[in-house]
C-alpha atoms as a PDB file:
ATOM      1  CA  MET A   1     -19.910  27.070  -2.131  1.00  0.00           C
ATOM      2  CA  LEU A   2     -16.480  26.052  -0.772  1.00  0.00           C
ATOM      3  CA  VAL A   3     -14.606  26.914  -3.904  1.00  0.00           C
ATOM      4  CA  ALA A   4     -16.348  30.452  -4.029  1.00  0.00           C
ATOM      5  CA  ALA A   5     -15.230  30.812  -0.239  1.00  0.00           C
ATOM      6  CA  LEU A   6     -11.560  29.949  -1.248  1.00  0.00           C
ATOM      7  CA  ALA A   7     -11.665  32.166  -4.211  1.00  0.00           C
ATOM      8  CA  LEU A   8     -12.995  35.232  -2.191  1.00  0.00           C
ATOM      9  CA  MET A   9     -10.147  34.409   0.344  1.00  0.00           C
ATOM     10  CA  LEU A  10      -7.548  34.270  -2.388  1.00  0.00           C
ATOM     11  CA  GLN A  11      -8.887  37.529  -3.956  1.00  0.00           C
ATOM     12  CA  THR A  12      -9.121  39.524  -0.893  1.00  0.00           C
ATOM     13  CA  ALA A  13      -6.024  38.200   1.053  1.00  0.00           C
ATOM     14  CA  THR A  14      -3.560  39.980  -1.173  1.00  0.00           C
ATOM     15  CA  ALA A  15      -1.218  42.413   0.636  1.00  0.00           C
ATOM     16  CA  PRO A  16      -0.115  45.436  -1.189  1.00  0.00           C
ATOM     17  CA  ALA A  17       2.547  44.937  -3.452  1.00  0.00           C
ATOM     18  CA  PRO A  18       5.987  45.692  -1.844  1.00  0.00           C
ATOM     19  CA  ALA A  19       8.994  47.100  -3.938  1.00  0.00           C
ATOM     20  CA  PRO A  20      10.356  44.572  -6.162  1.00  0.00           C
ATOM     21  CA  ALA A  21      12.500  42.190  -4.306  1.00  0.00           C
ATOM     22  CA  PRO A  22      15.424  39.947  -5.675  1.00  0.00           C
ATOM     23  CA  SER A  23      14.824  36.545  -6.366  1.00  0.00           C
ATOM     24  CA  PRO A  24      14.803  34.336  -3.270  1.00  0.00           C
ATOM     25  CA  ALA A  25      17.885  32.301  -2.425  1.00  0.00           C
ATOM     26  CA  PRO A  26      17.446  28.498  -3.273  1.00  0.00           C
ATOM     27  CA  GLU A  27      17.113  27.604   0.313  1.00  0.00           C
ATOM     28  CA  ALA A  28      14.323  30.132   0.907  1.00  0.00           C
ATOM     29  CA  ALA A  29      12.614  28.934  -2.269  1.00  0.00           C
ATOM     30  CA  ARG A  30      12.697  25.286  -1.086  1.00  0.00           C
ATOM     31  CA  LEU A  31      11.515  26.138   2.443  1.00  0.00           C
ATOM     32  CA  GLY A  32       8.792  28.339   1.186  1.00  0.00           C
ATOM     33  CA  ARG A  33       7.553  25.579  -1.081  1.00  0.00           C
ATOM     34  CA  GLU A  34       7.554  23.064   1.775  1.00  0.00           C
ATOM     35  CA  LEU A  35       5.761  25.622   4.169  1.00  0.00           C
ATOM     36  CA  ALA A  36       3.219  26.294   1.371  1.00  0.00           C
ATOM     37  CA  ALA A  37       2.476  22.522   1.238  1.00  0.00           C
ATOM     38  CA  THR A  38       1.464  22.465   4.867  1.00  0.00           C
ATOM     39  CA  GLY A  39      -0.933  25.296   4.673  1.00  0.00           C
ATOM     40  CA  PRO A  40      -4.719  25.155   5.019  1.00  0.00           C
ATOM     41  CA  LEU A  41      -5.293  25.688   1.417  1.00  0.00           C
ATOM     42  CA  ALA A  42      -3.130  22.803   0.426  1.00  0.00           C
ATOM     43  CA  THR A  43      -4.789  20.605   3.148  1.00  0.00           C
ATOM     44  CA  VAL A  44      -8.497  21.361   1.613  1.00  0.00           C
ATOM     45  CA  LEU A  45      -7.490  21.192  -2.156  1.00  0.00           C
ATOM     46  CA  PRO A  46      -7.917  17.214  -2.318  1.00  0.00           C
ATOM     47  CA  MET A  47     -11.332  17.620  -0.742  1.00  0.00           C
ATOM     48  CA  ILE A  48     -12.381  20.199  -3.232  1.00  0.00           C
ATOM     49  CA  ALA A  49     -11.064  18.202  -6.203  1.00  0.00           C
ATOM     50  CA  GLU A  50     -12.811  15.154  -4.997  1.00  0.00           C
ATOM     51  CA  LYS A  51     -16.040  16.959  -4.447  1.00  0.00           C
ATOM     52  CA  GLU A  52     -16.044  18.747  -7.871  1.00  0.00           C
ATOM     53  CA  THR A  53     -14.966  15.366  -9.792  1.00  0.00           C
ATOM     54  CA  GLY A  54     -18.012  13.654  -8.051  1.00  0.00           C
ATOM     55  CA  GLU A  55     -20.304  16.594  -9.013  1.00  0.00           C
ATOM     56  CA  MET A  56     -18.950  16.546 -12.725  1.00  0.00           C
ATOM     57  CA  LEU A  57     -19.413  12.707 -12.848  1.00  0.00           C
ATOM     58  CA  ALA A  58     -22.912  12.935 -11.461  1.00  0.00           C
ATOM     59  CA  ASP A  59     -23.766  14.794 -14.573  1.00  0.00           C
ATOM     60  CA  HIS A  60     -22.743  11.725 -16.680  1.00  0.00           C
ATOM     61  CA  SER A  61     -24.455   8.911 -15.141  1.00  0.00           C
ATOM     62  CA  ASP A  62     -24.696   7.252 -18.584  1.00  0.00           C
ATOM     63  CA  TRP A  63     -20.781   6.760 -18.904  1.00  0.00           C
ATOM     64  CA  SER A  64     -19.373   3.389 -18.660  1.00  0.00           C
ATOM     65  CA  GLU A  65     -17.167   2.590 -15.627  1.00  0.00           C
ATOM     66  CA  ALA A  66     -14.156   2.873 -18.061  1.00  0.00           C
ATOM     67  CA  ASP A  67     -15.074   6.372 -19.030  1.00  0.00           C
ATOM     68  CA  ARG A  68     -15.628   7.356 -15.459  1.00  0.00           C
ATOM     69  CA  ALA A  69     -12.085   5.809 -14.487  1.00  0.00           C
ATOM     70  CA  ALA A  70     -10.568   7.701 -17.359  1.00  0.00           C
ATOM     71  CA  PHE A  71     -12.289  10.914 -16.379  1.00  0.00           C
ATOM     72  CA  ARG A  72     -11.068  10.295 -12.791  1.00  0.00           C
ATOM     73  CA  ALA A  73      -7.532  10.021 -13.961  1.00  0.00           C
ATOM     74  CA  THR A  74      -7.790  13.108 -16.051  1.00  0.00           C
ATOM     75  CA  ALA A  75      -9.112  14.974 -12.802  1.00  0.00           C
ATOM     76  CA  ARG A  76      -6.066  13.788 -10.906  1.00  0.00           C
ATOM     77  CA  ARG A  77      -3.590  14.836 -13.449  1.00  0.00           C
ATOM     78  CA  VAL A  78      -5.308  18.320 -13.510  1.00  0.00           C
ATOM     79  CA  TYR A  79      -5.426  18.356 -10.032  1.00  0.00           C
ATOM     80  CA  ALA A  80      -1.843  17.545  -9.414  1.00  0.00           C
ATOM     81  CA  ASP A  81      -0.597  20.219 -12.007  1.00  0.00           C
ATOM     82  CA  GLY A  82      -2.817  22.768 -10.494  1.00  0.00           C
ATOM     83  CA  ARG A  83      -1.777  21.924  -6.850  1.00  0.00           C
ATOM     84  CA  ASP A  84       1.898  22.149  -7.934  1.00  0.00           C
ATOM     85  CA  ARG A  85       1.518  25.488  -9.359  1.00  0.00           C
ATOM     86  CA  LEU A  86      -0.332  26.764  -6.605  1.00  0.00           C
ATOM     87  CA  ILE A  87       2.177  25.377  -3.859  1.00  0.00           C
ATOM     88  CA  ALA A  88       5.015  26.893  -6.130  1.00  0.00           C
ATOM     89  CA  ALA A  89       3.269  30.407  -6.241  1.00  0.00           C
ATOM     90  CA  ILE A  90       2.493  30.397  -2.543  1.00  0.00           C
ATOM     91  CA  GLY A  91       5.940  29.230  -1.657  1.00  0.00           C
ATOM     92  CA  ALA A  92       7.693  31.837  -3.676  1.00  0.00           C
ATOM     93  CA  GLY A  93       5.523  34.536  -1.869  1.00  0.00           C
ATOM     94  CA  TYR A  94       6.598  32.940   1.415  1.00  0.00           C
ATOM     95  CA  ALA A  95      10.336  33.011   0.196  1.00  0.00           C
ATOM     96  CA  LYS A  96      10.068  36.741  -0.823  1.00  0.00           C
ATOM     97  CA  ARG A  97       8.375  37.895   2.199  1.00  0.00           C
ATOM     98  CA  LEU A  98       9.972  35.556   5.070  1.00  0.00           C
ATOM     99  CA  SER A  99      13.532  35.237   6.345  1.00  0.00           C
ATOM    100  CA  VAL A 100      15.212  31.858   6.054  1.00  0.00           C
ATOM    101  CA  ALA A 101      15.344  31.820   9.867  1.00  0.00           C
ATOM    102  CA  ASP A 102      11.327  32.647   9.901  1.00  0.00           C
ATOM    103  CA  LEU A 103      10.820  29.846   7.395  1.00  0.00           C
ATOM    104  CA  LYS A 104      12.691  27.280   9.398  1.00  0.00           C
ATOM    105  CA  THR A 105      10.754  28.279  12.495  1.00  0.00           C
ATOM    106  CA  LEU A 106       7.456  27.994  10.964  1.00  0.00           C
ATOM    107  CA  LEU A 107       8.464  24.736   9.356  1.00  0.00           C
ATOM    108  CA  ALA A 108       9.485  23.234  12.702  1.00  0.00           C
ATOM    109  CA  ALA A 109       6.004  24.112  13.999  1.00  0.00           C
ATOM    110  CA  ALA A 110       4.352  22.695  10.923  1.00  0.00           C
ATOM    111  CA  ARG A 111       6.181  19.477  11.482  1.00  0.00           C
ATOM    112  CA  SER A 112       4.917  19.169  15.050  1.00  0.00           C
ATOM    113  CA  LYS A 113       2.595  16.273  15.955  1.00  0.00           C
ATOM    114  CA  ALA A 114      -0.055  18.861  16.871  1.00  0.00           C
ATOM    115  CA  ALA A 115       0.246  20.505  13.498  1.00  0.00           C
ATOM    116  CA  GLY A 116      -0.102  16.907  11.781  1.00  0.00           C
ATOM    117  CA  ARG A 117      -3.160  16.246  13.768  1.00  0.00           C
ATOM    118  CA  ARG A 118      -4.664  19.748  12.647  1.00  0.00           C
ATOM    119  CA  ARG A 119      -4.034  19.168   9.057  1.00  0.00           C
ATOM    120  CA  ALA A 120      -5.622  15.566   9.346  1.00  0.00           C
ATOM    121  CA  VAL A 121      -8.776  17.217  10.494  1.00  0.00           C
ATOM    122  CA  GLU A 122      -8.842  20.380   8.784  1.00  0.00           C
ATOM    123  CA  PRO A 123     -10.736  19.036   5.623  1.00  0.00           C
ATOM    124  CA  MET A 124     -13.527  17.902   7.756  1.00  0.00           C
ATOM    125  CA  VAL A 125     -13.616  20.923   9.997  1.00  0.00           C
ATOM    126  CA  ILE A 126     -13.816  23.280   7.168  1.00  0.00           C
ATOM    127  CA  ALA A 127     -16.483  21.066   5.325  1.00  0.00           C
ATOM    128  CA  GLU A 128     -18.580  21.013   8.528  1.00  0.00           C
ATOM    129  CA  ALA A 129     -18.265  24.762   8.904  1.00  0.00           C
ATOM    130  CA  MET A 130     -19.055  25.333   5.437  1.00  0.00           C
ATOM    131  CA  GLN A 131     -22.242  23.130   5.718  1.00  0.00           C
ATOM    132  CA  SER A 132     -23.337  24.964   8.853  1.00  0.00           C
ATOM    133  CA  LEU A 133     -22.860  28.436   7.351  1.00  0.00           C
ATOM    134  CA  GLY A 134     -25.014  27.492   4.276  1.00  0.00           C
ATOM    135  CA  GLN A 135     -24.820  29.416   1.031  1.00  0.00           C
ATOM    136  CA  LEU A 136     -22.363  32.046   1.302  1.00  0.00           C
ATOM    137  CA  ASP A 137     -22.776  35.038  -1.317  1.00  0.00           C
ATOM    138  CA  PHE A 138     -20.449  37.960  -0.325  1.00  0.00           C
ATOM    139  CA  LYS A 139     -21.509  40.057  -3.251  1.00  0.00           C
ATOM    140  CA  GLY A 140     -25.034  39.344  -2.611  1.00  0.00           C
ATOM    141  CA  ASP A 141     -25.013  40.111   0.947  1.00  0.00           C
ATOM    142  CA  VAL A 142     -23.066  43.359   0.493  1.00  0.00           C
ATOM    143  CA  ARG A 143     -25.670  44.453  -2.225  1.00  0.00           C
ATOM    144  CA  LYS A 144     -28.454  43.670   0.244  1.00  0.00           C
ATOM    145  CA  ALA A 145     -26.872  45.527   3.242  1.00  0.00           C
ATOM    146  CA  TRP A 146     -26.055  48.499   1.028  1.00  0.00           C
ATOM    147  CA  CYS A 147     -29.522  48.854  -0.281  1.00  0.00           C
ATOM    148  CA  ALA A 148     -31.022  48.239   3.069  1.00  0.00           C
ATOM    149  CA  ALA A 149     -28.959  51.070   4.358  1.00  0.00           C
ATOM    150  CA  GLY A 150     -30.185  53.276   1.646  1.00  0.00           C
ATOM    151  CA  GLY A 151     -27.237  53.109  -0.671  1.00  0.00           C
ATOM    152  CA  ARG A 152     -27.366  54.519  -4.165  1.00  0.00           C
ATOM    153  CA  ASP A 153     -28.145  52.448  -7.393  1.00  0.00           C
ATOM    154  CA  CYS A 154     -30.249  49.857  -5.658  1.00  0.00           C
ATOM    155  CA  PRO A 155     -33.165  48.838  -7.567  1.00  0.00           C
ATOM    156  CA  LEU A 156     -35.811  49.406  -4.758  1.00  0.00           C
ATOM    157  CA  ASN A 157     -34.333  52.756  -3.528  1.00  0.00           C
END
C-alpha cells in the first residue's frame, strides 16, 4: 500500500522535460545529493525496506535463524544500493534544476533543528496517515468514478 502510493507519486511527479542542460557543476551535484538525502522519500525508505523485508520473511517461517539473518543482510545490501541510486538520481535532478545558491539555502533549512525533528517523525506520520486512509487504489478509484459518471468502455454502461 505505501509502496504503491510512493510509486504513484514518483510516476505522477515528473515535470515536463526541459531542454537538455549541461552537466551540473561538481558543487551543485554534491549539494543536490545532500539535499536529496534529507527529503521525505529518503526518510521513509528505511521503513519501507524494513516492512517489506519482514513481509518476505513472514512467508518463510520455516527458515533457520541463520537463514533469516542472511536474508536480512541481503535485504540491507539491496536497500543500500537502491537508496544510493535513488538519492543520486534525485540529487542530479536538483542539481540540474536549482542554482547552487538555492541548493545552499534549501540545505541550510534542511539542517535546522526543526527539519531534523520533522525527519525523525516523518516515517511514523506517513505510516499513520497510510493506515488511516486504508487501501489506496488510484486506478480502481478512477475507473469507478469514470463509470459512475457514465464514461465509455465501462462493463456496466
